[in-house]
Amino acid sequence: PGMQAEIETPTQEAAAGWMSSPEVGKAHMLERLEEHCLSFLMREPEMLYKINRALKEAELQPLAEEDFQNTVHQEFLKAVLQSVDQDTLNPVSFALDHIPFSLLEQAEAVLKKSESVSIDAEHLIPDLVRTILRMRETKLQSSNNQIRFLMEEAQEHNQDELIQYNYTIQKNSQTLLRIHKALVSSDLKSAKP
């Protein structure tokens, strides 16, 4: 509430039908990145605080539903976010109890991805932050590519749209620079002995 979304995308109608083969590959990669992130957050929702702190230090917005392309994954994150905003139940229990019944089977499949991995916050938090940064990077790059395509059409017809598209690309590019800076910083930190 009150926070401006970091990732701006063209309307679904305007971009309909525009998804090249590399874009399909990126969609599969995003799906895997989202599942990786959620598999741990659903097990340990309290990690969200450290992740958001790291994002804030990089001058980026906290993790939000909009970071996830898959609507089922958005529902899972919504349950995680709600679980840390309440103090009645254990956050894990709360998150699992608030996943819609129709999605429980998918939630189990996501949770299985981290089942055999021990949660070591020292290494896991930076890994999840890098995962989120990669998700955002991929979405922003895809958004900019879609906007460039739409700009070609707008050059002939609508100057106002062209100005808005340029503004959006500029804003996305600024966010991409912060993401790249954070990725380099996290790579340097993780390379230290």
N, C-alpha and C. Protein backbone atom coordinates (compact mmCIF):
# COMPACT_ATOMS: atom_id res chain seq x y z
N PRO A 1 0.82 -1.18 0.00
CA PRO A 1 0.00 0.00 0.00
C PRO A 1 0.86 1.24 0.00
N GLY A 2 0.66 2.08 -0.98
CA GLY A 2 1.39 3.31 -1.04
C GLY A 2 2.77 3.18 -1.66
N MET A 3 3.24 1.96 -1.89
CA MET A 3 4.56 1.77 -2.48
C MET A 3 4.39 1.64 -3.99
N GLN A 4 5.28 2.29 -4.71
CA GLN A 4 5.23 2.23 -6.16
C GLN A 4 5.90 0.96 -6.63
N ALA A 5 5.28 0.29 -7.57
CA ALA A 5 5.86 -0.94 -8.11
C ALA A 5 7.13 -0.60 -8.86
N GLU A 6 8.15 -1.44 -8.71
CA GLU A 6 9.42 -1.21 -9.36
C GLU A 6 9.41 -1.61 -10.82
N ILE A 7 8.67 -2.63 -11.14
CA ILE A 7 8.70 -3.17 -12.48
C ILE A 7 7.45 -2.72 -13.22
N GLU A 8 7.67 -1.96 -14.26
CA GLU A 8 6.55 -1.52 -15.07
C GLU A 8 6.55 -2.33 -16.36
N THR A 9 5.38 -2.85 -16.72
CA THR A 9 5.26 -3.64 -17.94
C THR A 9 4.17 -3.07 -18.80
N PRO A 10 4.27 -3.27 -20.11
CA PRO A 10 3.21 -2.80 -20.99
C PRO A 10 1.93 -3.60 -20.73
N THR A 11 0.83 -3.06 -21.19
CA THR A 11 -0.43 -3.76 -20.98
C THR A 11 -0.41 -5.11 -21.66
N GLN A 12 -1.16 -6.05 -21.10
CA GLN A 12 -1.22 -7.40 -21.65
C GLN A 12 -1.75 -7.37 -23.08
N GLU A 13 -2.74 -6.51 -23.33
CA GLU A 13 -3.32 -6.45 -24.67
C GLU A 13 -2.29 -5.97 -25.68
N ALA A 14 -1.51 -4.95 -25.29
CA ALA A 14 -0.54 -4.38 -26.21
C ALA A 14 0.58 -5.36 -26.52
N ALA A 15 0.93 -6.21 -25.57
CA ALA A 15 2.03 -7.15 -25.77
C ALA A 15 1.57 -8.54 -26.17
N ALA A 16 0.26 -8.71 -26.34
CA ALA A 16 -0.27 -10.05 -26.66
C ALA A 16 0.36 -10.59 -27.93
N GLY A 17 0.68 -11.86 -27.87
CA GLY A 17 1.24 -12.51 -29.04
C GLY A 17 2.72 -12.28 -29.24
N TRP A 18 3.35 -11.46 -28.39
CA TRP A 18 4.76 -11.16 -28.57
C TRP A 18 5.57 -11.92 -27.54
N MET A 19 5.94 -13.14 -27.89
CA MET A 19 6.78 -13.91 -26.99
C MET A 19 7.63 -14.83 -27.84
N SER A 20 8.87 -14.41 -28.03
CA SER A 20 9.77 -15.18 -28.88
C SER A 20 10.30 -16.40 -28.14
N SER A 21 11.00 -17.24 -28.85
CA SER A 21 11.57 -18.44 -28.25
C SER A 21 12.48 -18.14 -27.06
N PRO A 22 13.38 -17.13 -27.15
CA PRO A 22 14.18 -16.81 -25.96
C PRO A 22 13.31 -16.38 -24.78
N GLU A 23 12.19 -15.73 -25.07
CA GLU A 23 11.29 -15.32 -24.00
C GLU A 23 10.67 -16.53 -23.31
N VAL A 24 10.35 -17.56 -24.08
CA VAL A 24 9.80 -18.79 -23.51
C VAL A 24 10.84 -19.43 -22.59
N GLY A 25 12.11 -19.45 -23.02
CA GLY A 25 13.19 -19.97 -22.18
C GLY A 25 13.33 -19.19 -20.89
N LYS A 26 13.20 -17.88 -21.00
CA LYS A 26 13.27 -17.03 -19.80
C LYS A 26 12.10 -17.31 -18.86
N ALA A 27 10.94 -17.58 -19.43
CA ALA A 27 9.76 -17.88 -18.60
C ALA A 27 9.99 -19.16 -17.80
N HIS A 28 10.61 -20.17 -18.41
CA HIS A 28 10.92 -21.41 -17.69
C HIS A 28 11.96 -21.16 -16.60
N MET A 29 12.95 -20.33 -16.93
CA MET A 29 13.97 -20.01 -15.94
C MET A 29 13.34 -19.26 -14.76
N LEU A 30 12.47 -18.31 -15.06
CA LEU A 30 11.78 -17.57 -13.99
C LEU A 30 10.98 -18.52 -13.10
N GLU A 31 10.33 -19.47 -13.72
CA GLU A 31 9.53 -20.45 -12.97
C GLU A 31 10.42 -21.19 -11.97
N ARG A 32 11.59 -21.62 -12.41
CA ARG A 32 12.53 -22.34 -11.52
C ARG A 32 13.05 -21.43 -10.42
N LEU A 33 13.39 -20.19 -10.77
CA LEU A 33 13.88 -19.25 -9.76
C LEU A 33 12.80 -18.97 -8.71
N GLU A 34 11.57 -18.78 -9.16
CA GLU A 34 10.47 -18.53 -8.23
C GLU A 34 10.27 -19.71 -7.29
N GLU A 35 10.30 -20.92 -7.84
CA GLU A 35 10.12 -22.12 -7.01
C GLU A 35 11.24 -22.27 -6.00
N HIS A 36 12.46 -21.99 -6.43
CA HIS A 36 13.61 -22.06 -5.52
C HIS A 36 13.41 -21.12 -4.33
N CYS A 37 13.06 -19.90 -4.63
CA CYS A 37 12.85 -18.89 -3.59
C CYS A 37 11.72 -19.30 -2.65
N LEU A 38 10.59 -19.68 -3.22
CA LEU A 38 9.42 -20.03 -2.40
C LEU A 38 9.62 -21.30 -1.60
N SER A 39 10.39 -22.24 -2.13
CA SER A 39 10.57 -23.50 -1.41
C SER A 39 11.21 -23.26 -0.05
N PHE A 40 12.05 -22.26 0.05
CA PHE A 40 12.68 -21.94 1.34
C PHE A 40 11.83 -20.97 2.16
N LEU A 41 11.23 -19.98 1.50
CA LEU A 41 10.41 -19.02 2.25
C LEU A 41 9.18 -19.67 2.87
N MET A 42 8.63 -20.68 2.22
CA MET A 42 7.47 -21.36 2.78
C MET A 42 7.88 -22.20 4.00
N ARG A 43 9.12 -22.66 4.03
CA ARG A 43 9.63 -23.42 5.18
C ARG A 43 10.03 -22.50 6.34
N GLU A 44 10.60 -21.35 5.99
CA GLU A 44 11.10 -20.41 6.99
C GLU A 44 10.68 -18.98 6.62
N PRO A 45 9.41 -18.64 6.85
CA PRO A 45 8.94 -17.30 6.45
C PRO A 45 9.72 -16.14 7.09
N GLU A 46 10.30 -16.38 8.27
CA GLU A 46 11.03 -15.30 8.94
C GLU A 46 12.26 -14.84 8.16
N MET A 47 12.73 -15.64 7.21
CA MET A 47 13.87 -15.23 6.38
C MET A 47 13.53 -13.99 5.56
N LEU A 48 12.26 -13.75 5.40
CA LEU A 48 11.80 -12.60 4.63
C LEU A 48 12.37 -11.29 5.18
N TYR A 49 12.49 -11.18 6.50
CA TYR A 49 13.02 -9.96 7.11
C TYR A 49 14.45 -9.69 6.64
N LYS A 50 15.30 -10.71 6.66
CA LYS A 50 16.69 -10.54 6.24
C LYS A 50 16.79 -10.28 4.75
N ILE A 51 15.96 -10.93 3.98
CA ILE A 51 15.96 -10.72 2.53
C ILE A 51 15.56 -9.28 2.23
N ASN A 52 14.50 -8.81 2.86
CA ASN A 52 14.04 -7.44 2.62
C ASN A 52 15.06 -6.41 3.10
N ARG A 53 15.76 -6.72 4.18
CA ARG A 53 16.81 -5.82 4.66
C ARG A 53 17.92 -5.71 3.60
N ALA A 54 18.31 -6.84 3.04
CA ALA A 54 19.35 -6.84 2.00
C ALA A 54 18.88 -6.07 0.76
N LEU A 55 17.63 -6.23 0.39
CA LEU A 55 17.09 -5.50 -0.76
C LEU A 55 17.06 -4.00 -0.48
N LYS A 56 16.70 -3.64 0.74
CA LYS A 56 16.66 -2.23 1.12
C LYS A 56 18.06 -1.62 1.08
N GLU A 57 19.06 -2.38 1.55
CA GLU A 57 20.44 -1.90 1.51
C GLU A 57 20.90 -1.65 0.08
N ALA A 58 20.33 -2.39 -0.87
CA ALA A 58 20.65 -2.21 -2.29
C ALA A 58 19.74 -1.16 -2.95
N GLU A 59 18.96 -0.46 -2.13
CA GLU A 59 18.03 0.57 -2.60
C GLU A 59 16.97 -0.01 -3.53
N LEU A 60 16.51 -1.21 -3.19
CA LEU A 60 15.46 -1.89 -3.96
C LEU A 60 14.25 -2.13 -3.07
N GLN A 61 13.11 -2.32 -3.71
CA GLN A 61 11.86 -2.56 -2.99
C GLN A 61 11.88 -3.93 -2.31
N PRO A 62 11.11 -4.08 -1.22
CA PRO A 62 11.00 -5.39 -0.58
C PRO A 62 10.33 -6.41 -1.51
N LEU A 63 10.51 -7.66 -1.20
CA LEU A 63 9.91 -8.73 -1.97
C LEU A 63 8.38 -8.56 -1.95
N ALA A 64 7.78 -8.71 -3.11
CA ALA A 64 6.33 -8.51 -3.24
C ALA A 64 5.76 -9.53 -4.22
N GLU A 65 4.46 -9.67 -4.18
CA GLU A 65 3.78 -10.61 -5.08
C GLU A 65 4.11 -10.32 -6.54
N GLU A 66 4.29 -9.05 -6.88
CA GLU A 66 4.57 -8.65 -8.26
C GLU A 66 5.91 -9.19 -8.75
N ASP A 67 6.78 -9.61 -7.84
CA ASP A 67 8.06 -10.19 -8.23
C ASP A 67 7.89 -11.56 -8.86
N PHE A 68 6.72 -12.15 -8.70
CA PHE A 68 6.46 -13.50 -9.19
C PHE A 68 5.53 -13.43 -10.38
N GLN A 69 5.92 -14.10 -11.44
CA GLN A 69 5.12 -14.09 -12.67
C GLN A 69 3.97 -15.09 -12.58
N ASN A 70 4.23 -16.22 -11.97
CA ASN A 70 3.24 -17.29 -11.85
C ASN A 70 2.22 -16.90 -10.78
N THR A 71 0.94 -16.91 -11.13
CA THR A 71 -0.09 -16.48 -10.17
C THR A 71 -0.20 -17.43 -8.97
N VAL A 72 0.10 -18.70 -9.17
CA VAL A 72 0.11 -19.64 -8.04
C VAL A 72 1.23 -19.25 -7.08
N HIS A 73 2.38 -18.91 -7.61
CA HIS A 73 3.50 -18.49 -6.78
C HIS A 73 3.17 -17.19 -6.05
N GLN A 74 2.41 -16.32 -6.69
CA GLN A 74 1.96 -15.09 -6.02
C GLN A 74 1.11 -15.43 -4.80
N GLU A 75 0.25 -16.42 -4.95
CA GLU A 75 -0.59 -16.86 -3.81
C GLU A 75 0.28 -17.41 -2.68
N PHE A 76 1.31 -18.18 -3.03
CA PHE A 76 2.20 -18.73 -2.01
C PHE A 76 2.92 -17.61 -1.27
N LEU A 77 3.43 -16.63 -2.01
CA LEU A 77 4.12 -15.52 -1.35
C LEU A 77 3.14 -14.72 -0.50
N LYS A 78 1.93 -14.54 -0.98
CA LYS A 78 0.91 -13.83 -0.20
C LYS A 78 0.73 -14.50 1.16
N ALA A 79 0.66 -15.82 1.17
CA ALA A 79 0.53 -16.57 2.43
C ALA A 79 1.75 -16.36 3.32
N VAL A 80 2.94 -16.34 2.71
CA VAL A 80 4.18 -16.11 3.48
C VAL A 80 4.17 -14.70 4.08
N LEU A 81 3.81 -13.71 3.27
CA LEU A 81 3.76 -12.32 3.76
C LEU A 81 2.77 -12.17 4.91
N GLN A 82 1.61 -12.79 4.77
CA GLN A 82 0.60 -12.72 5.83
C GLN A 82 1.09 -13.44 7.09
N SER A 83 1.85 -14.50 6.91
CA SER A 83 2.31 -15.29 8.07
C SER A 83 3.26 -14.51 8.96
N VAL A 84 4.06 -13.63 8.37
CA VAL A 84 4.99 -12.85 9.19
C VAL A 84 4.36 -11.57 9.72
N ASP A 85 3.17 -11.25 9.24
CA ASP A 85 2.46 -10.06 9.72
C ASP A 85 1.46 -10.38 10.82
N GLN A 86 1.47 -11.58 11.31
CA GLN A 86 0.55 -11.98 12.38
C GLN A 86 1.36 -12.60 13.51
N ASP A 87 0.77 -12.67 14.68
CA ASP A 87 1.50 -13.26 15.81
C ASP A 87 0.65 -14.30 16.55
N THR A 88 -0.37 -14.81 15.91
CA THR A 88 -1.24 -15.80 16.53
C THR A 88 -0.67 -17.20 16.42
N LEU A 89 -0.20 -17.56 15.24
CA LEU A 89 0.31 -18.90 14.98
C LEU A 89 1.78 -18.84 14.57
N ASN A 90 2.41 -19.99 14.62
CA ASN A 90 3.75 -20.13 14.06
C ASN A 90 3.65 -19.75 12.59
N PRO A 91 4.60 -18.92 12.08
CA PRO A 91 4.50 -18.46 10.69
C PRO A 91 4.41 -19.59 9.66
N VAL A 92 5.13 -20.69 9.87
CA VAL A 92 5.07 -21.79 8.91
C VAL A 92 3.67 -22.38 8.89
N SER A 93 3.12 -22.63 10.06
CA SER A 93 1.76 -23.19 10.15
C SER A 93 0.75 -22.24 9.52
N PHE A 94 0.89 -20.96 9.84
CA PHE A 94 -0.03 -19.96 9.30
C PHE A 94 0.04 -19.94 7.78
N ALA A 95 1.27 -19.92 7.22
CA ALA A 95 1.43 -19.86 5.76
C ALA A 95 0.78 -21.07 5.10
N LEU A 96 1.05 -22.25 5.63
CA LEU A 96 0.50 -23.47 5.02
C LEU A 96 -1.02 -23.55 5.19
N ASP A 97 -1.52 -23.04 6.32
CA ASP A 97 -2.97 -23.04 6.55
C ASP A 97 -3.70 -22.05 5.63
N HIS A 98 -3.00 -21.06 5.13
CA HIS A 98 -3.64 -20.01 4.33
C HIS A 98 -3.39 -20.13 2.83
N ILE A 99 -2.84 -21.25 2.43
CA ILE A 99 -2.73 -21.53 0.99
C ILE A 99 -4.06 -22.14 0.58
N PRO A 100 -4.67 -21.63 -0.47
CA PRO A 100 -5.96 -22.18 -0.92
C PRO A 100 -5.88 -23.69 -1.12
N PHE A 101 -6.93 -24.37 -0.72
CA PHE A 101 -6.98 -25.83 -0.77
C PHE A 101 -6.63 -26.37 -2.16
N SER A 102 -7.13 -25.69 -3.18
CA SER A 102 -6.90 -26.15 -4.55
C SER A 102 -5.42 -26.08 -4.96
N LEU A 103 -4.61 -25.38 -4.18
CA LEU A 103 -3.20 -25.22 -4.51
C LEU A 103 -2.27 -26.03 -3.61
N LEU A 104 -2.83 -26.79 -2.68
CA LEU A 104 -1.99 -27.53 -1.73
C LEU A 104 -1.06 -28.53 -2.40
N GLU A 105 -1.52 -29.19 -3.43
CA GLU A 105 -0.67 -30.17 -4.12
C GLU A 105 0.53 -29.47 -4.76
N GLN A 106 0.29 -28.31 -5.36
CA GLN A 106 1.38 -27.54 -5.95
C GLN A 106 2.32 -27.01 -4.87
N ALA A 107 1.78 -26.65 -3.72
CA ALA A 107 2.61 -26.17 -2.61
C ALA A 107 3.54 -27.28 -2.14
N GLU A 108 3.00 -28.49 -2.05
CA GLU A 108 3.83 -29.64 -1.65
C GLU A 108 4.96 -29.87 -2.64
N ALA A 109 4.68 -29.74 -3.93
CA ALA A 109 5.70 -29.93 -4.96
C ALA A 109 6.80 -28.88 -4.83
N VAL A 110 6.43 -27.65 -4.54
CA VAL A 110 7.42 -26.58 -4.35
C VAL A 110 8.25 -26.85 -3.09
N LEU A 111 7.58 -27.24 -2.01
CA LEU A 111 8.29 -27.52 -0.76
C LEU A 111 9.28 -28.67 -0.91
N LYS A 112 8.96 -29.66 -1.72
CA LYS A 112 9.85 -30.81 -1.92
C LYS A 112 11.19 -30.40 -2.52
N LYS A 113 11.21 -29.29 -3.23
CA LYS A 113 12.44 -28.84 -3.88
C LYS A 113 13.52 -28.48 -2.87
N SER A 114 13.14 -28.13 -1.65
CA SER A 114 14.12 -27.77 -0.62
C SER A 114 14.14 -28.77 0.52
N GLU A 115 13.44 -29.87 0.37
CA GLU A 115 13.28 -30.85 1.43
C GLU A 115 14.61 -31.40 1.95
N SER A 116 15.52 -31.71 1.07
CA SER A 116 16.77 -32.34 1.50
C SER A 116 17.89 -31.33 1.74
N VAL A 117 17.58 -30.04 1.66
CA VAL A 117 18.59 -29.00 1.86
C VAL A 117 18.47 -28.47 3.29
N SER A 118 19.59 -28.47 4.00
CA SER A 118 19.55 -27.91 5.34
C SER A 118 19.59 -26.39 5.22
N ILE A 119 18.83 -25.74 6.05
CA ILE A 119 18.73 -24.28 5.98
C ILE A 119 19.84 -23.66 6.82
N ASP A 120 20.84 -23.13 6.15
CA ASP A 120 21.95 -22.43 6.77
C ASP A 120 21.84 -20.98 6.34
N ALA A 121 21.32 -20.15 7.22
CA ALA A 121 21.02 -18.75 6.87
C ALA A 121 22.25 -18.01 6.35
N GLU A 122 23.41 -18.36 6.82
CA GLU A 122 24.64 -17.66 6.40
C GLU A 122 24.84 -17.75 4.88
N HIS A 123 24.50 -18.88 4.30
CA HIS A 123 24.66 -19.05 2.86
C HIS A 123 23.34 -18.93 2.10
N LEU A 124 22.27 -19.26 2.76
CA LEU A 124 20.98 -19.28 2.10
C LEU A 124 20.43 -17.88 1.81
N ILE A 125 20.54 -16.98 2.76
CA ILE A 125 20.00 -15.62 2.55
C ILE A 125 20.65 -14.96 1.33
N PRO A 126 21.98 -14.95 1.22
CA PRO A 126 22.57 -14.36 0.01
C PRO A 126 22.13 -15.07 -1.27
N ASP A 127 21.98 -16.39 -1.20
CA ASP A 127 21.51 -17.14 -2.37
C ASP A 127 20.10 -16.70 -2.76
N LEU A 128 19.21 -16.56 -1.78
CA LEU A 128 17.84 -16.15 -2.08
C LEU A 128 17.78 -14.71 -2.58
N VAL A 129 18.61 -13.84 -2.02
CA VAL A 129 18.66 -12.46 -2.51
C VAL A 129 19.11 -12.44 -3.96
N ARG A 130 20.18 -13.21 -4.29
CA ARG A 130 20.62 -13.29 -5.68
C ARG A 130 19.52 -13.85 -6.58
N THR A 131 18.78 -14.83 -6.08
CA THR A 131 17.68 -15.41 -6.86
C THR A 131 16.63 -14.34 -7.15
N ILE A 132 16.27 -13.58 -6.16
CA ILE A 132 15.27 -12.51 -6.34
C ILE A 132 15.80 -11.45 -7.30
N LEU A 133 17.07 -11.10 -7.15
CA LEU A 133 17.66 -10.12 -8.07
C LEU A 133 17.64 -10.64 -9.51
N ARG A 134 17.93 -11.91 -9.70
CA ARG A 134 17.89 -12.50 -11.06
C ARG A 134 16.46 -12.51 -11.61
N MET A 135 15.48 -12.79 -10.73
CA MET A 135 14.08 -12.75 -11.16
C MET A 135 13.72 -11.35 -11.64
N ARG A 136 14.08 -10.36 -10.86
CA ARG A 136 13.76 -8.98 -11.22
C ARG A 136 14.50 -8.56 -12.48
N GLU A 137 15.76 -8.94 -12.57
CA GLU A 137 16.56 -8.60 -13.74
C GLU A 137 15.92 -9.17 -15.01
N THR A 138 15.54 -10.42 -14.96
CA THR A 138 14.93 -11.08 -16.12
C THR A 138 13.62 -10.41 -16.50
N LYS A 139 12.79 -10.10 -15.51
CA LYS A 139 11.50 -9.46 -15.79
C LYS A 139 11.68 -8.06 -16.37
N LEU A 140 12.64 -7.29 -15.83
CA LEU A 140 12.88 -5.95 -16.34
C LEU A 140 13.42 -5.98 -17.76
N GLN A 141 14.34 -6.89 -18.03
CA GLN A 141 14.88 -6.99 -19.38
C GLN A 141 13.79 -7.38 -20.37
N SER A 142 12.95 -8.31 -19.98
CA SER A 142 11.84 -8.72 -20.82
C SER A 142 10.87 -7.57 -21.05
N SER A 143 10.58 -6.84 -20.00
CA SER A 143 9.69 -5.69 -20.10
C SER A 143 10.26 -4.65 -21.06
N ASN A 144 11.56 -4.36 -20.92
CA ASN A 144 12.19 -3.39 -21.82
C ASN A 144 12.14 -3.86 -23.27
N ASN A 145 12.35 -5.15 -23.50
CA ASN A 145 12.28 -5.68 -24.86
C ASN A 145 10.87 -5.53 -25.44
N GLN A 146 9.86 -5.82 -24.63
CA GLN A 146 8.48 -5.66 -25.08
C GLN A 146 8.18 -4.20 -25.39
N ILE A 147 8.66 -3.32 -24.53
CA ILE A 147 8.40 -1.89 -24.73
C ILE A 147 9.09 -1.40 -26.00
N ARG A 148 10.31 -1.86 -26.25
CA ARG A 148 11.00 -1.45 -27.48
C ARG A 148 10.21 -1.87 -28.72
N PHE A 149 9.64 -3.05 -28.67
CA PHE A 149 8.80 -3.53 -29.77
C PHE A 149 7.59 -2.60 -29.94
N LEU A 150 6.96 -2.25 -28.82
CA LEU A 150 5.79 -1.38 -28.88
C LEU A 150 6.17 0.04 -29.33
N MET A 151 7.39 0.46 -28.99
CA MET A 151 7.85 1.80 -29.39
C MET A 151 7.94 1.92 -30.91
N GLU A 152 8.35 0.84 -31.56
CA GLU A 152 8.44 0.86 -33.02
C GLU A 152 7.08 1.17 -33.64
N GLU A 153 6.05 0.55 -33.07
CA GLU A 153 4.70 0.80 -33.57
C GLU A 153 4.24 2.21 -33.21
N ALA A 154 4.58 2.68 -32.01
CA ALA A 154 4.13 3.99 -31.54
C ALA A 154 4.81 5.13 -32.28
N GLN A 155 6.00 4.90 -32.83
CA GLN A 155 6.71 5.97 -33.54
C GLN A 155 5.89 6.52 -34.69
N GLU A 156 5.13 5.68 -35.31
CA GLU A 156 4.33 6.11 -36.46
C GLU A 156 3.00 6.73 -36.06
N HIS A 157 2.50 6.39 -34.87
CA HIS A 157 1.13 6.76 -34.54
C HIS A 157 0.97 7.70 -33.35
N ASN A 158 1.65 7.44 -32.27
CA ASN A 158 1.30 8.13 -31.04
C ASN A 158 2.53 8.60 -30.27
N GLN A 159 2.78 9.89 -30.31
CA GLN A 159 3.94 10.49 -29.64
C GLN A 159 3.82 10.39 -28.11
N ASP A 160 2.61 10.50 -27.58
CA ASP A 160 2.43 10.41 -26.12
C ASP A 160 2.82 9.04 -25.60
N GLU A 161 2.42 7.99 -26.31
CA GLU A 161 2.82 6.63 -25.91
C GLU A 161 4.32 6.48 -25.97
N LEU A 162 4.93 7.04 -26.98
CA LEU A 162 6.38 6.95 -27.15
C LEU A 162 7.10 7.58 -25.96
N ILE A 163 6.62 8.71 -25.50
CA ILE A 163 7.21 9.38 -24.34
C ILE A 163 7.06 8.51 -23.10
N GLN A 164 5.89 7.92 -22.91
CA GLN A 164 5.66 7.05 -21.75
C GLN A 164 6.55 5.82 -21.81
N TYR A 165 6.69 5.23 -23.00
CA TYR A 165 7.54 4.05 -23.15
C TYR A 165 9.00 4.40 -22.83
N ASN A 166 9.46 5.55 -23.32
CA ASN A 166 10.83 5.98 -23.02
C ASN A 166 11.04 6.16 -21.52
N TYR A 167 10.06 6.76 -20.87
CA TYR A 167 10.14 6.97 -19.42
C TYR A 167 10.22 5.62 -18.69
N THR A 168 9.39 4.67 -19.11
CA THR A 168 9.36 3.36 -18.46
C THR A 168 10.69 2.63 -18.65
N ILE A 169 11.24 2.68 -19.86
CA ILE A 169 12.53 2.04 -20.11
C ILE A 169 13.62 2.69 -19.26
N GLN A 170 13.58 4.00 -19.15
CA GLN A 170 14.57 4.70 -18.34
C GLN A 170 14.46 4.29 -16.87
N LYS A 171 13.24 4.23 -16.37
CA LYS A 171 13.02 3.83 -14.98
C LYS A 171 13.45 2.38 -14.74
N ASN A 172 13.08 1.49 -15.67
CA ASN A 172 13.49 0.09 -15.56
C ASN A 172 15.01 -0.03 -15.61
N SER A 173 15.65 0.77 -16.46
CA SER A 173 17.11 0.71 -16.59
C SER A 173 17.80 1.17 -15.30
N GLN A 174 17.25 2.17 -14.65
CA GLN A 174 17.80 2.60 -13.36
C GLN A 174 17.70 1.49 -12.32
N THR A 175 16.58 0.81 -12.30
CA THR A 175 16.41 -0.30 -11.37
C THR A 175 17.37 -1.43 -11.73
N LEU A 176 17.54 -1.70 -13.02
CA LEU A 176 18.50 -2.73 -13.45
C LEU A 176 19.91 -2.40 -12.99
N LEU A 177 20.29 -1.14 -13.03
CA LEU A 177 21.62 -0.75 -12.55
C LEU A 177 21.78 -1.07 -11.06
N ARG A 178 20.75 -0.77 -10.27
CA ARG A 178 20.81 -1.09 -8.83
C ARG A 178 20.88 -2.60 -8.63
N ILE A 179 20.15 -3.36 -9.44
CA ILE A 179 20.18 -4.82 -9.34
C ILE A 179 21.58 -5.34 -9.68
N HIS A 180 22.16 -4.85 -10.76
CA HIS A 180 23.50 -5.30 -11.16
C HIS A 180 24.53 -4.95 -10.09
N LYS A 181 24.40 -3.77 -9.52
CA LYS A 181 25.31 -3.36 -8.44
C LYS A 181 25.16 -4.31 -7.25
N ALA A 182 23.94 -4.66 -6.90
CA ALA A 182 23.70 -5.58 -5.77
C ALA A 182 24.22 -6.97 -6.08
N LEU A 183 24.06 -7.42 -7.32
CA LEU A 183 24.56 -8.74 -7.71
C LEU A 183 26.07 -8.78 -7.62
N VAL A 184 26.75 -7.75 -8.08
CA VAL A 184 28.21 -7.71 -8.00
C VAL A 184 28.64 -7.69 -6.54
N SER A 185 27.97 -6.90 -5.74
CA SER A 185 28.28 -6.82 -4.32
C SER A 185 28.08 -8.16 -3.64
N SER A 186 26.99 -8.85 -3.94
CA SER A 186 26.73 -10.14 -3.30
C SER A 186 27.71 -11.21 -3.79
N ASP A 187 28.13 -11.12 -5.06
CA ASP A 187 29.12 -12.07 -5.57
C ASP A 187 30.46 -11.86 -4.88
N LEU A 188 30.82 -10.60 -4.61
CA LEU A 188 32.07 -10.33 -3.92
C LEU A 188 32.03 -10.84 -2.48
N LYS A 189 30.89 -10.64 -1.82
CA LYS A 189 30.74 -11.09 -0.43
C LYS A 189 30.82 -12.62 -0.35
N SER A 190 30.16 -13.30 -1.30
CA SER A 190 30.14 -14.76 -1.24
C SER A 190 31.49 -15.36 -1.65
N ALA A 191 32.33 -14.59 -2.34
CA ALA A 191 33.63 -15.10 -2.76
C ALA A 191 34.67 -15.02 -1.64
N LYS A 192 34.37 -14.23 -0.60
CA LYS A 192 35.31 -14.12 0.53
C LYS A 192 35.40 -15.41 1.28
N PRO A 193 36.62 -15.78 1.75
CA PRO A 193 36.78 -17.03 2.49
C PRO A 193 36.13 -16.99 3.85
